Amino acid sequence: MAWSDSTKKFADGSVIRIFPNRESVIRLIGALLMEIDEKWASGKKYLDMAEYLEWRETQATKAMSKVTRIG
């Protein structure tokens, strides 16, 4: 079966047409790829704030331990 052939022929002579034409296949694949890209882009975290806040807290405690009171 060639790429441009969107039909399936069976031994009894019946034919099933999967897509009406090549353009409809390209639209479907394009829509699926766009959906996958949107899901990936919206689910990706560039900076996890919980990890940053934990790091900031440890930095603050380290700074407080270095401070000595005089007086």
Foldseek 3Di string as FASTA:
>chain_A
DDPFQQWDADPVGDIDGDDPGPVVVVVVVVVVVVVVVVVVVVPDDPDDVVVVVVVVVVVVVVVVVPDDDDD
